[in-house]
């Protein structure tokens, strides 16, 4: 069985099934990173794109929780 075909770990499945959106994204980021390390060049392209999307989503979540600099400026009295 190749790296690409290996099933997800039980911990990953549990977190994605029962965790928060952010926890699921963090678990997915770890899962994709582990798969990327052993991936062929062809598979690495798709995994990298998926990883970029997950990182972008995590970044957006962080902005929502912390607010942006623009939000801070708009809320000044």
PDB file of N, CA and C in Angstrom:
ATOM      1  N   UNK A   1       0.850  -1.184   0.000  1.00  0.00           N
ATOM      2  CA  UNK A   1       0.000   0.000   0.000  1.00  0.00           C
ATOM      3  C   UNK A   1       0.890   1.239   0.000  1.00  0.00           C
ATOM      4  N   UNK A   2       0.678   2.170  -0.896  1.00  0.00           N
ATOM      5  CA  UNK A   2       1.505   3.375  -0.978  1.00  0.00           C
ATOM      6  C   UNK A   2       1.107   4.372   0.099  1.00  0.00           C
ATOM      7  N   UNK A   3       1.968   5.373   0.278  1.00  0.00           N
ATOM      8  CA  UNK A   3       1.702   6.435   1.257  1.00  0.00           C
ATOM      9  C   UNK A   3       0.373   7.115   0.967  1.00  0.00           C
ATOM     10  N   UNK A   4       0.079   7.311  -0.308  1.00  0.00           N
ATOM     11  CA  UNK A   4      -1.149   7.991  -0.723  1.00  0.00           C
ATOM     12  C   UNK A   4      -2.391   7.196  -0.332  1.00  0.00           C
ATOM     13  N   UNK A   5      -2.281   5.854  -0.284  1.00  0.00           N
ATOM     14  CA  UNK A   5      -3.438   5.007  -0.050  1.00  0.00           C
ATOM     15  C   UNK A   5      -3.636   4.624   1.412  1.00  0.00           C
ATOM     16  N   UNK A   6      -2.716   4.983   2.294  1.00  0.00           N
ATOM     17  CA  UNK A   6      -2.831   4.584   3.694  1.00  0.00           C
ATOM     18  C   UNK A   6      -4.026   5.266   4.334  1.00  0.00           C
ATOM     19  N   UNK A   7      -4.758   4.518   5.164  1.00  0.00           N
ATOM     20  CA  UNK A   7      -5.921   5.106   5.822  1.00  0.00           C
ATOM     21  C   UNK A   7      -5.506   6.122   6.885  1.00  0.00           C
ATOM     22  N   UNK A   8      -6.412   7.008   7.204  1.00  0.00           N
ATOM     23  CA  UNK A   8      -6.169   8.015   8.234  1.00  0.00           C
ATOM     24  C   UNK A   8      -6.090   7.333   9.592  1.00  0.00           C
ATOM     25  N   UNK A   9      -5.320   7.922  10.499  1.00  0.00           N
ATOM     26  CA  UNK A   9      -5.193   7.360  11.842  1.00  0.00           C
ATOM     27  C   UNK A   9      -6.510   7.510  12.600  1.00  0.00           C
ATOM     28  N   UNK A  10      -6.749   6.635  13.582  1.00  0.00           N
ATOM     29  CA  UNK A  10      -7.977   6.758  14.383  1.00  0.00           C
ATOM     30  C   UNK A  10      -8.082   8.109  15.098  1.00  0.00           C
ATOM     31  N   UNK A  11      -6.938   8.657  15.558  1.00  0.00           N
ATOM     32  CA  UNK A  11      -6.969   9.966  16.222  1.00  0.00           C
ATOM     33  C   UNK A  11      -7.455  11.049  15.276  1.00  0.00           C
ATOM     34  N   UNK A  12      -6.963  11.010  14.047  1.00  0.00           N
ATOM     35  CA  UNK A  12      -7.376  11.992  13.050  1.00  0.00           C
ATOM     36  C   UNK A  12      -8.878  11.901  12.807  1.00  0.00           C
ATOM     37  N   UNK A  13      -9.371  10.696  12.622  1.00  0.00           N
ATOM     38  CA  UNK A  13     -10.796  10.491  12.371  1.00  0.00           C
ATOM     39  C   UNK A  13     -11.621  10.974  13.554  1.00  0.00           C
ATOM     40  N   UNK A  14     -11.179  10.692  14.765  1.00  0.00           N
ATOM     41  CA  UNK A  14     -11.900  11.108  15.977  1.00  0.00           C
ATOM     42  C   UNK A  14     -11.968  12.634  16.077  1.00  0.00           C
ATOM     43  N   UNK A  15     -10.849  13.293  15.867  1.00  0.00           N
ATOM     44  CA  UNK A  15     -10.821  14.759  15.967  1.00  0.00           C
ATOM     45  C   UNK A  15     -11.715  15.386  14.908  1.00  0.00           C
ATOM     46  N   UNK A  16     -11.623  14.902  13.689  1.00  0.00           N
ATOM     47  CA  UNK A  16     -12.435  15.460  12.609  1.00  0.00           C
ATOM     48  C   UNK A  16     -13.919  15.199  12.868  1.00  0.00           C
ATOM     49  N   UNK A  17     -14.228  14.050  13.452  1.00  0.00           N
ATOM     50  CA  UNK A  17     -15.624  13.689  13.709  1.00  0.00           C
ATOM     51  C   UNK A  17     -16.243  14.448  14.871  1.00  0.00           C
ATOM     52  N   UNK A  18     -15.447  14.727  15.907  1.00  0.00           N
ATOM     53  CA  UNK A  18     -16.035  15.266  17.134  1.00  0.00           C
ATOM     54  C   UNK A  18     -15.497  16.625  17.558  1.00  0.00           C
ATOM     55  N   UNK A  19     -14.404  17.063  16.958  1.00  0.00           N
ATOM     56  CA  UNK A  19     -13.787  18.317  17.379  1.00  0.00           C
ATOM     57  C   UNK A  19     -14.451  19.539  16.773  1.00  0.00           C
ATOM     58  N   UNK A  20     -13.936  20.684  17.167  1.00  0.00           N
ATOM     59  CA  UNK A  20     -14.403  21.947  16.598  1.00  0.00           C
ATOM     60  C   UNK A  20     -13.882  22.073  15.170  1.00  0.00           C
ATOM     61  N   UNK A  21     -14.379  23.053  14.465  1.00  0.00           N
ATOM     62  CA  UNK A  21     -13.925  23.309  13.096  1.00  0.00           C
ATOM     63  C   UNK A  21     -12.421  23.559  13.080  1.00  0.00           C
ATOM     64  N   UNK A  22     -11.945  24.358  14.008  1.00  0.00           N
ATOM     65  CA  UNK A  22     -10.523  24.673  14.060  1.00  0.00           C
ATOM     66  C   UNK A  22      -9.688  23.433  14.406  1.00  0.00           C
ATOM     67  N   UNK A  23     -10.159  22.621  15.344  1.00  0.00           N
ATOM     68  CA  UNK A  23      -9.444  21.389  15.692  1.00  0.00           C
ATOM     69  C   UNK A  23      -9.378  20.442  14.497  1.00  0.00           C
ATOM     70  N   UNK A  24     -10.463  20.355  13.763  1.00  0.00           N
ATOM     71  CA  UNK A  24     -10.494  19.493  12.579  1.00  0.00           C
ATOM     72  C   UNK A  24      -9.503  19.995  11.529  1.00  0.00           C
ATOM     73  N   UNK A  25      -9.436  21.300  11.331  1.00  0.00           N
ATOM     74  CA  UNK A  25      -8.489  21.859  10.367  1.00  0.00           C
ATOM     75  C   UNK A  25      -7.045  21.627  10.806  1.00  0.00           C
ATOM     76  N   UNK A  26      -6.774  21.771  12.110  1.00  0.00           N
ATOM     77  CA  UNK A  26      -5.426  21.515  12.635  1.00  0.00           C
ATOM     78  C   UNK A  26      -5.041  20.051  12.413  1.00  0.00           C
ATOM     79  N   UNK A  27      -5.980  19.143  12.678  1.00  0.00           N
ATOM     80  CA  UNK A  27      -5.726  17.719  12.472  1.00  0.00           C
ATOM     81  C   UNK A  27      -5.497  17.431  10.993  1.00  0.00           C
ATOM     82  N   UNK A  28      -6.274  18.060  10.137  1.00  0.00           N
ATOM     83  CA  UNK A  28      -6.107  17.878   8.696  1.00  0.00           C
ATOM     84  C   UNK A  28      -4.761  18.418   8.241  1.00  0.00           C
ATOM     85  N   UNK A  29      -4.340  19.536   8.798  1.00  0.00           N
ATOM     86  CA  UNK A  29      -3.027  20.095   8.451  1.00  0.00           C
ATOM     87  C   UNK A  29      -1.917  19.104   8.824  1.00  0.00           C
ATOM     88  N   UNK A  30      -1.989  18.522  10.022  1.00  0.00           N
ATOM     89  CA  UNK A  30      -0.991  17.541  10.435  1.00  0.00           C
ATOM     90  C   UNK A  30      -1.019  16.301   9.525  1.00  0.00           C
ATOM     91  N   UNK A  31      -2.228  15.851   9.198  1.00  0.00           N
ATOM     92  CA  UNK A  31      -2.399  14.678   8.345  1.00  0.00           C
ATOM     93  C   UNK A  31      -1.814  14.925   6.955  1.00  0.00           C
ATOM     94  N   UNK A  32      -2.129  16.058   6.361  1.00  0.00           N
ATOM     95  CA  UNK A  32      -1.614  16.378   5.029  1.00  0.00           C
ATOM     96  C   UNK A  32      -0.100  16.539   5.048  1.00  0.00           C
ATOM     97  N   UNK A  33       0.423  17.153   6.093  1.00  0.00           N
ATOM     98  CA  UNK A  33       1.871  17.336   6.199  1.00  0.00           C
ATOM     99  C   UNK A  33       2.583  15.995   6.271  1.00  0.00           C
ATOM    100  N   UNK A  34       2.038  15.065   7.050  1.00  0.00           N
ATOM    101  CA  UNK A  34       2.636  13.736   7.159  1.00  0.00           C
ATOM    102  C   UNK A  34       2.587  13.009   5.818  1.00  0.00           C
ATOM    103  N   UNK A  35       1.481  13.119   5.119  1.00  0.00           N
ATOM    104  CA  UNK A  35       1.356  12.467   3.807  1.00  0.00           C
ATOM    105  C   UNK A  35       2.273  13.112   2.784  1.00  0.00           C
ATOM    106  N   UNK A  36       2.434  14.412   2.858  1.00  0.00           N
ATOM    107  CA  UNK A  36       3.274  15.135   1.907  1.00  0.00           C
ATOM    108  C   UNK A  36       4.730  14.710   2.035  1.00  0.00           C
ATOM    109  N   UNK A  37       5.167  14.422   3.247  1.00  0.00           N
ATOM    110  CA  UNK A  37       6.566  14.046   3.471  1.00  0.00           C
ATOM    111  C   UNK A  37       6.969  12.808   2.676  1.00  0.00           C
ATOM    112  N   UNK A  38       6.066  11.870   2.486  1.00  0.00           N
ATOM    113  CA  UNK A  38       6.401  10.653   1.766  1.00  0.00           C
ATOM    114  C   UNK A  38       5.768  10.537   0.395  1.00  0.00           C
ATOM    115  N   UNK A  39       5.232  11.628  -0.104  1.00  0.00           N
ATOM    116  CA  UNK A  39       4.475  11.584  -1.361  1.00  0.00           C
ATOM    117  C   UNK A  39       5.392  11.631  -2.579  1.00  0.00           C
ATOM    118  N   UNK A  40       4.914  11.039  -3.648  1.00  0.00           N
ATOM    119  CA  UNK A  40       5.609  11.157  -4.934  1.00  0.00           C
ATOM    120  C   UNK A  40       5.438  12.589  -5.437  1.00  0.00           C
ATOM    121  N   UNK A  41       6.224  12.962  -6.422  1.00  0.00           N
ATOM    122  CA  UNK A  41       6.118  14.317  -6.972  1.00  0.00           C
ATOM    123  C   UNK A  41       4.701  14.585  -7.479  1.00  0.00           C
ATOM    124  N   UNK A  42       4.129  13.600  -8.158  1.00  0.00           N
ATOM    125  CA  UNK A  42       2.782  13.768  -8.718  1.00  0.00           C
ATOM    126  C   UNK A  42       1.758  13.984  -7.597  1.00  0.00           C
ATOM    127  N   UNK A  43       1.845  13.194  -6.537  1.00  0.00           N
ATOM    128  CA  UNK A  43       0.898  13.323  -5.432  1.00  0.00           C
ATOM    129  C   UNK A  43       1.153  14.580  -4.600  1.00  0.00           C
ATOM    130  N   UNK A  44       2.404  15.005  -4.541  1.00  0.00           N
ATOM    131  CA  UNK A  44       2.758  16.175  -3.742  1.00  0.00           C
ATOM    132  C   UNK A  44       2.059  17.440  -4.234  1.00  0.00           C
ATOM    133  N   UNK A  45       1.830  17.527  -5.524  1.00  0.00           N
ATOM    134  CA  UNK A  45       1.160  18.708  -6.083  1.00  0.00           C
ATOM    135  C   UNK A  45      -0.235  18.858  -5.483  1.00  0.00           C
ATOM    136  N   UNK A  46      -1.028  17.810  -5.530  1.00  0.00           N
ATOM    137  CA  UNK A  46      -2.389  17.861  -4.991  1.00  0.00           C
ATOM    138  C   UNK A  46      -2.410  18.062  -3.484  1.00  0.00           C
ATOM    139  N   UNK A  47      -1.517  17.359  -2.785  1.00  0.00           N
ATOM    140  CA  UNK A  47      -1.459  17.501  -1.328  1.00  0.00           C
ATOM    141  C   UNK A  47      -1.055  18.921  -0.931  1.00  0.00           C
ATOM    142  N   UNK A  48      -0.128  19.501  -1.685  1.00  0.00           N
ATOM    143  CA  UNK A  48       0.307  20.877  -1.393  1.00  0.00           C
ATOM    144  C   UNK A  48      -0.837  21.871  -1.564  1.00  0.00           C
ATOM    145  N   UNK A  49      -1.635  21.677  -2.596  1.00  0.00           N
ATOM    146  CA  UNK A  49      -2.789  22.565  -2.820  1.00  0.00           C
ATOM    147  C   UNK A  49      -3.797  22.430  -1.688  1.00  0.00           C
ATOM    148  N   UNK A  50      -4.037  21.197  -1.261  1.00  0.00           N
ATOM    149  CA  UNK A  50      -4.958  20.985  -0.140  1.00  0.00           C
ATOM    150  C   UNK A  50      -4.418  21.629   1.133  1.00  0.00           C
ATOM    151  N   UNK A  51      -3.116  21.471   1.361  1.00  0.00           N
ATOM    152  CA  UNK A  51      -2.493  22.042   2.555  1.00  0.00           C
ATOM    153  C   UNK A  51      -2.571  23.568   2.531  1.00  0.00           C
ATOM    154  N   UNK A  52      -2.354  24.163   1.373  1.00  0.00           N
ATOM    155  CA  UNK A  52      -2.462  25.622   1.251  1.00  0.00           C
ATOM    156  C   UNK A  52      -3.871  26.093   1.604  1.00  0.00           C
ATOM    157  N   UNK A  53      -4.874  25.364   1.147  1.00  0.00           N
ATOM    158  CA  UNK A  53      -6.266  25.738   1.437  1.00  0.00           C
ATOM    159  C   UNK A  53      -6.561  25.632   2.937  1.00  0.00           C
ATOM    160  N   UNK A  54      -6.045  24.605   3.578  1.00  0.00           N
ATOM    161  CA  UNK A  54      -6.260  24.431   5.015  1.00  0.00           C
ATOM    162  C   UNK A  54      -5.569  25.546   5.792  1.00  0.00           C
ATOM    163  N   UNK A  55      -4.342  25.864   5.406  1.00  0.00           N
ATOM    164  CA  UNK A  55      -3.609  26.940   6.083  1.00  0.00           C
ATOM    165  C   UNK A  55      -4.331  28.275   5.907  1.00  0.00           C
ATOM    166  N   UNK A  56      -4.852  28.527   4.717  1.00  0.00           N
ATOM    167  CA  UNK A  56      -5.595  29.769   4.476  1.00  0.00           C
ATOM    168  C   UNK A  56      -6.851  29.831   5.343  1.00  0.00           C
ATOM    169  N   UNK A  57      -7.556  28.714   5.456  1.00  0.00           N
ATOM    170  CA  UNK A  57      -8.762  28.674   6.285  1.00  0.00           C
ATOM    171  C   UNK A  57      -8.421  28.895   7.757  1.00  0.00           C
ATOM    172  N   UNK A  58      -7.338  28.293   8.231  1.00  0.00           N
ATOM    173  CA  UNK A  58      -6.911  28.510   9.609  1.00  0.00           C
ATOM    174  C   UNK A  58      -6.549  29.978   9.833  1.00  0.00           C
ATOM    175  N   UNK A  59      -5.927  30.575   8.854  1.00  0.00           N
ATOM    176  CA  UNK A  59      -5.576  31.992   8.953  1.00  0.00           C
ATOM    177  C   UNK A  59      -6.834  32.851   9.047  1.00  0.00           C
ATOM    178  N   UNK A  60      -7.834  32.540   8.213  1.00  0.00           N
ATOM    179  CA  UNK A  60      -9.099  33.290   8.266  1.00  0.00           C
ATOM    180  C   UNK A  60      -9.783  33.114   9.622  1.00  0.00           C
ATOM    181  N   UNK A  61      -9.739  31.925  10.175  1.00  0.00           N
ATOM    182  CA  UNK A  61     -10.336  31.696  11.490  1.00  0.00           C
ATOM    183  C   UNK A  61      -9.634  32.533  12.545  1.00  0.00           C
ATOM    184  N   UNK A  62      -8.314  32.602  12.453  1.00  0.00           N
ATOM    185  CA  UNK A  62      -7.545  33.417  13.398  1.00  0.00           C
ATOM    186  C   UNK A  62      -7.903  34.884  13.288  1.00  0.00           C
ATOM    187  N   UNK A  63      -8.139  35.361  12.068  1.00  0.00           N
ATOM    188  CA  UNK A  63      -8.536  36.753  11.864  1.00  0.00           C
ATOM    189  C   UNK A  63      -9.905  37.006  12.460  1.00  0.00           C
ATOM    190  N   UNK A  64     -10.824  36.051  12.317  1.00  0.00           N
ATOM    191  CA  UNK A  64     -12.167  36.205  12.860  1.00  0.00           C
ATOM    192  C   UNK A  64     -12.134  36.302  14.378  1.00  0.00           C
ATOM    193  N   UNK A  65     -11.289  35.494  15.020  1.00  0.00           N
ATOM    194  CA  UNK A  65     -11.220  35.481  16.477  1.00  0.00           C
ATOM    195  C   UNK A  65     -10.509  36.713  17.013  1.00  0.00           C
ATOM    196  N   UNK A  66      -9.412  37.097  16.378  1.00  0.00           N
ATOM    197  CA  UNK A  66      -8.601  38.190  16.879  1.00  0.00           C
ATOM    198  C   UNK A  66      -9.051  39.545  16.348  1.00  0.00           C
ATOM    199  N   UNK A  67      -9.741  39.552  15.246  1.00  0.00           N
ATOM    200  CA  UNK A  67     -10.074  40.805  14.585  1.00  0.00           C
ATOM    201  C   UNK A  67      -8.887  41.287  13.781  1.00  0.00           C
ATOM    202  N   UNK A  68      -9.128  42.163  12.876  1.00  0.00           N
ATOM    203  CA  UNK A  68      -8.046  42.678  12.037  1.00  0.00           C
ATOM    204  C   UNK A  68      -7.633  44.052  12.521  1.00  0.00           C
ATOM    205  N   UNK A  69      -6.525  44.536  11.994  1.00  0.00           N
ATOM    206  CA  UNK A  69      -6.075  45.888  12.329  1.00  0.00           C
ATOM    207  C   UNK A  69      -7.124  46.907  11.886  1.00  0.00           C
ATOM    208  N   UNK A  70      -7.770  46.652  10.770  1.00  0.00           N
ATOM    209  CA  UNK A  70      -8.811  47.560  10.290  1.00  0.00           C
ATOM    210  C   UNK A  70      -9.972  47.595  11.283  1.00  0.00           C
ATOM    211  N   UNK A  71     -10.359  46.431  11.825  1.00  0.00           N
ATOM    212  CA  UNK A  71     -11.416  46.410  12.836  1.00  0.00           C
ATOM    213  C   UNK A  71     -11.028  47.263  14.035  1.00  0.00           C
ATOM    214  N   UNK A  72      -9.777  47.154  14.458  1.00  0.00           N
ATOM    215  CA  UNK A  72      -9.304  47.939  15.600  1.00  0.00           C
ATOM    216  C   UNK A  72      -9.394  49.427  15.320  1.00  0.00           C
ATOM    217  N   UNK A  73      -9.024  49.849  14.110  1.00  0.00           N
ATOM    218  CA  UNK A  73      -9.074  51.268  13.752  1.00  0.00           C
ATOM    219  C   UNK A  73     -10.521  51.765  13.697  1.00  0.00           C
ATOM    220  N   UNK A  74     -11.403  50.947  13.142  1.00  0.00           N
ATOM    221  CA  UNK A  74     -12.794  51.354  13.021  1.00  0.00           C
ATOM    222  C   UNK A  74     -13.503  51.444  14.374  1.00  0.00           C
ATOM    223  N   UNK A  75     -13.028  50.680  15.342  1.00  0.00           N
ATOM    224  CA  UNK A  75     -13.668  50.658  16.648  1.00  0.00           C
ATOM    225  C   UNK A  75     -13.078  51.649  17.636  1.00  0.00           C
ATOM    226  N   UNK A  76     -12.064  52.405  17.229  1.00  0.00           N
ATOM    227  CA  UNK A  76     -11.496  53.422  18.109  1.00  0.00           C
ATOM    228  C   UNK A  76     -12.470  54.571  18.293  1.00  0.00           C
ATOM    229  N   UNK A  77     -12.526  55.096  19.485  1.00  0.00           N
ATOM    230  CA  UNK A  77     -13.403  56.245  19.770  1.00  0.00           C
ATOM    231  C   UNK A  77     -12.686  57.543  19.648  1.00  0.00           C
TER     232      UNK A  77
END
